[in-house]
Amino acid sequence: MRFEEAKRKLAEMLPNEVYAHCLRTSEFAARLASEKGVDPSKAAWAGLLHDVARAQENSVLLRTAAEMGIIVDSIESRVPVLLHGPVGAEIARREFEVEDRQVLHAIAIHSTGGPSAGPLDKVIFIADKVEPGRTWSDVKNVRSMVELGSLDDGFALCLASTIKWLLDNRALIHPDSLAAWNECIAARDERQ
């Protein structure tokens, strides 16, 4: 499927605000990828389709995950919205003909991050959190730091912001987010 065709199909599947977020994420991801030495075409695709399942209700996400053979862990069963990444990756594969494993993986883990996240995974995680339409309290500062620093530093900063928000709101934290954070800290300590 061509990119423009995928955009049209996605527009029919999502509410306007989610679709607009996907477009901004795609554009930001492609630009960030280009600046950080990552394939901008892959970033554009993953950014475009990262929230393809975001509008599904929790019960639908749980049912769809089961139908697709996606293993649901204890956190995802309590916070089903986290399944929109893995379910979205499978929708991207089945309905948008995406075959690139890196693109599918980046879509799958864009909400939580994960251990051994690759460069494309990091770009999409970052782009989802700081694309120009985001308005959370420190987003402008984080966006500037992401653009000026390394990809690894930007990923760690966005993970930290996400984890802090979850802690402040007394919300469950997915183990993949914690594993990714611990890897970032271990890598930083090895560099020093």
Protein backbone atom coordinates (compact mmCIF):
# COMPACT_ATOMS: atom_id res chain seq x y z
CA MET A 1 0.00 0.00 0.00
CA ARG A 2 1.25 3.45 -0.85
CA PHE A 3 1.66 6.05 1.90
CA GLU A 4 -1.03 8.42 0.58
CA GLU A 5 -3.46 5.52 0.29
CA ALA A 6 -2.66 4.51 3.88
CA LYS A 7 -3.37 8.08 5.03
CA ARG A 8 -6.79 8.04 3.36
CA LYS A 9 -7.66 4.66 4.85
CA LEU A 10 -6.50 5.73 8.31
CA ALA A 11 -8.59 8.91 8.10
CA GLU A 12 -11.68 6.75 7.63
CA MET A 13 -10.81 4.58 10.65
CA LEU A 14 -10.00 7.19 13.30
CA PRO A 15 -11.64 10.20 14.92
CA ASN A 16 -10.30 13.47 13.51
CA GLU A 17 -8.22 14.33 16.59
CA VAL A 18 -6.47 10.94 16.67
CA TYR A 19 -5.86 11.06 12.92
CA ALA A 20 -4.37 14.56 13.20
CA HIS A 21 -2.09 13.32 16.01
CA CYS A 22 -0.95 10.44 13.76
CA LEU A 23 -0.11 12.87 10.95
CA ARG A 24 1.87 15.14 13.29
CA THR A 25 3.65 12.15 14.83
CA SER A 26 4.57 10.86 11.38
CA GLU A 27 5.97 14.22 10.29
CA PHE A 28 7.87 14.79 13.55
CA ALA A 29 9.20 11.20 13.53
CA ALA A 30 10.47 11.49 9.95
CA ARG A 31 12.26 14.75 10.73
CA LEU A 32 13.73 13.44 14.01
CA ALA A 33 14.79 10.20 12.33
CA SER A 34 16.58 12.10 9.59
CA GLU A 35 18.42 14.21 12.19
CA LYS A 36 19.39 11.16 14.27
CA GLY A 37 20.52 8.86 11.45
CA VAL A 38 17.41 6.65 11.34
CA ASP A 39 15.46 5.79 8.18
CA PRO A 40 12.90 8.62 7.85
CA SER A 41 10.62 6.56 5.60
CA LYS A 42 10.25 3.85 8.23
CA ALA A 43 9.70 6.54 10.87
CA ALA A 44 6.98 8.17 8.77
CA TRP A 45 5.15 4.84 8.37
CA ALA A 46 5.43 3.87 12.04
CA GLY A 47 4.42 7.36 13.13
CA LEU A 48 1.42 7.36 10.83
CA LEU A 49 0.11 3.98 11.98
CA HIS A 50 1.19 3.97 15.63
CA ASP A 51 -2.32 4.80 16.92
CA VAL A 52 -4.35 2.86 14.35
CA ALA A 53 -6.05 0.95 17.21
CA ARG A 54 -6.21 3.88 19.66
CA ALA A 55 -9.91 4.58 19.20
CA GLN A 56 -10.93 1.04 20.15
CA GLU A 57 -12.65 0.66 23.50
CA ASN A 58 -10.96 -1.39 26.21
CA SER A 59 -13.28 -4.38 25.78
CA VAL A 60 -12.64 -4.38 22.03
CA LEU A 61 -8.87 -4.18 22.52
CA LEU A 62 -8.98 -7.16 24.88
CA ARG A 63 -11.13 -9.18 22.52
CA THR A 64 -9.10 -8.24 19.44
CA ALA A 65 -5.83 -9.07 21.19
CA ALA A 66 -7.19 -12.51 22.07
CA GLU A 67 -8.42 -13.07 18.51
CA MET A 68 -5.00 -12.05 17.14
CA GLY A 69 -3.13 -14.34 19.52
CA ILE A 70 -1.49 -11.45 21.39
CA ILE A 71 -0.50 -12.44 24.90
CA VAL A 72 -2.00 -10.03 27.42
CA ASP A 73 -0.01 -9.55 30.61
CA SER A 74 -1.43 -8.65 34.03
CA ILE A 75 -0.88 -4.91 33.58
CA GLU A 76 -2.47 -4.84 30.12
CA SER A 77 -5.48 -6.76 31.40
CA ARG A 78 -5.98 -3.98 33.99
CA VAL A 79 -5.04 -1.14 31.59
CA PRO A 80 -6.23 -2.41 28.20
CA VAL A 81 -5.44 0.86 26.41
CA LEU A 82 -1.82 -0.31 26.45
CA LEU A 83 -2.85 -2.99 23.97
CA HIS A 84 -3.44 -0.43 21.24
CA GLY A 85 0.27 -0.71 20.35
CA PRO A 86 0.48 -4.49 19.84
CA VAL A 87 -3.02 -4.64 18.32
CA GLY A 88 -2.14 -1.68 16.09
CA ALA A 89 1.01 -3.42 14.86
CA GLU A 90 -1.06 -6.41 13.82
CA ILE A 91 -3.63 -4.16 12.10
CA ALA A 92 -0.77 -2.41 10.29
CA ARG A 93 0.46 -5.80 9.08
CA ARG A 94 -2.93 -7.20 8.11
CA GLU A 95 -4.80 -4.18 6.81
CA PHE A 96 -2.05 -1.80 5.68
CA GLU A 97 0.32 -4.44 4.26
CA VAL A 98 3.25 -3.34 6.43
CA GLU A 99 5.85 -6.10 6.43
CA ASP A 100 8.86 -4.29 7.88
CA ARG A 101 9.59 -5.83 11.30
CA GLN A 102 11.21 -2.66 12.63
CA VAL A 103 8.15 -0.58 11.75
CA LEU A 104 5.80 -3.14 13.31
CA HIS A 105 7.92 -3.37 16.47
CA ALA A 106 8.03 0.42 16.85
CA ILE A 107 4.23 0.53 16.58
CA ALA A 108 3.86 -2.32 19.08
CA ILE A 109 5.97 -0.70 21.83
CA HIS A 110 5.29 2.99 21.26
CA SER A 111 3.25 3.38 24.47
CA THR A 112 5.48 1.59 26.94
CA GLY A 113 8.93 1.54 25.40
CA GLY A 114 10.72 -1.67 26.03
CA PRO A 115 13.99 -3.42 26.73
CA SER A 116 16.46 -3.42 23.86
CA ALA A 117 14.55 -0.67 22.06
CA GLY A 118 16.16 0.06 18.71
CA PRO A 119 16.67 3.46 17.11
CA LEU A 120 13.33 3.41 15.26
CA ASP A 121 11.52 2.33 18.45
CA LYS A 122 13.05 5.30 20.25
CA VAL A 123 12.13 7.76 17.50
CA ILE A 124 8.47 6.69 17.54
CA PHE A 125 8.26 6.64 21.34
CA ILE A 126 9.67 10.18 21.43
CA ALA A 127 7.58 11.50 18.52
CA ASP A 128 4.36 10.22 20.08
CA LYS A 129 5.14 12.06 23.32
CA VAL A 130 6.37 15.41 21.99
CA GLU A 131 4.85 15.99 18.52
CA PRO A 132 3.85 19.65 18.04
CA GLY A 133 0.22 19.12 19.06
CA ARG A 134 1.11 17.86 22.53
CA THR A 135 0.44 20.38 25.31
CA TRP A 136 1.43 18.74 28.61
CA SER A 137 3.17 21.02 31.08
CA ASP A 138 6.85 20.52 30.23
CA VAL A 139 6.51 19.38 26.61
CA LYS A 140 8.23 22.42 25.06
CA ASN A 141 11.29 21.97 27.25
CA VAL A 142 11.40 18.21 26.63
CA ARG A 143 10.93 18.72 22.86
CA SER A 144 13.86 21.17 22.76
CA MET A 145 16.09 18.83 24.75
CA VAL A 146 15.14 15.89 22.50
CA GLU A 147 16.03 17.84 19.38
CA LEU A 148 19.38 19.00 20.79
CA GLY A 149 20.52 15.79 22.49
CA SER A 150 21.24 12.25 21.43
CA LEU A 151 18.50 9.78 20.56
CA ASP A 152 19.29 7.78 23.69
CA ASP A 153 19.08 10.86 25.90
CA GLY A 154 15.78 11.88 24.30
CA PHE A 155 14.36 8.40 24.83
CA ALA A 156 15.43 8.43 28.49
CA LEU A 157 13.96 11.89 29.00
CA CYS A 158 10.60 10.88 27.50
CA LEU A 159 10.58 7.67 29.53
CA ALA A 160 11.30 9.66 32.68
CA SER A 161 8.48 12.11 31.89
CA THR A 162 6.06 9.25 31.26
CA ILE A 163 7.03 7.35 34.40
CA LYS A 164 6.85 10.54 36.49
CA TRP A 165 3.34 11.23 35.17
CA LEU A 166 2.28 7.67 36.02
CA LEU A 167 3.74 7.97 39.52
CA ASP A 168 2.13 11.38 40.09
CA ASN A 169 -1.22 9.89 39.06
CA ARG A 170 -0.70 6.71 41.10
CA ALA A 171 -1.13 4.64 37.94
CA LEU A 172 0.24 1.23 37.07
CA ILE A 173 3.59 1.21 35.28
CA HIS A 174 4.18 -1.44 32.66
CA PRO A 175 7.29 -3.56 33.35
CA ASP A 176 8.57 -2.82 29.83
CA SER A 177 8.75 0.88 30.72
CA LEU A 178 10.76 0.10 33.83
CA ALA A 179 13.03 -2.29 31.92
CA ALA A 180 13.66 0.38 29.28
CA TRP A 181 14.40 2.95 31.99
CA ASN A 182 16.82 0.61 33.74
CA GLU A 183 18.63 -0.04 30.44
CA CYS A 184 18.93 3.71 29.84
CA ILE A 185 20.47 4.24 33.27
CA ALA A 186 22.81 1.25 32.92
CA ALA A 187 23.97 2.52 29.51
CA ARG A 188 24.53 6.01 30.92
CA ASP A 189 26.57 4.59 33.80
CA GLU A 190 28.70 2.55 31.38
CA ARG A 191 29.42 5.68 29.33
CA GLN A 192 30.62 7.61 32.39
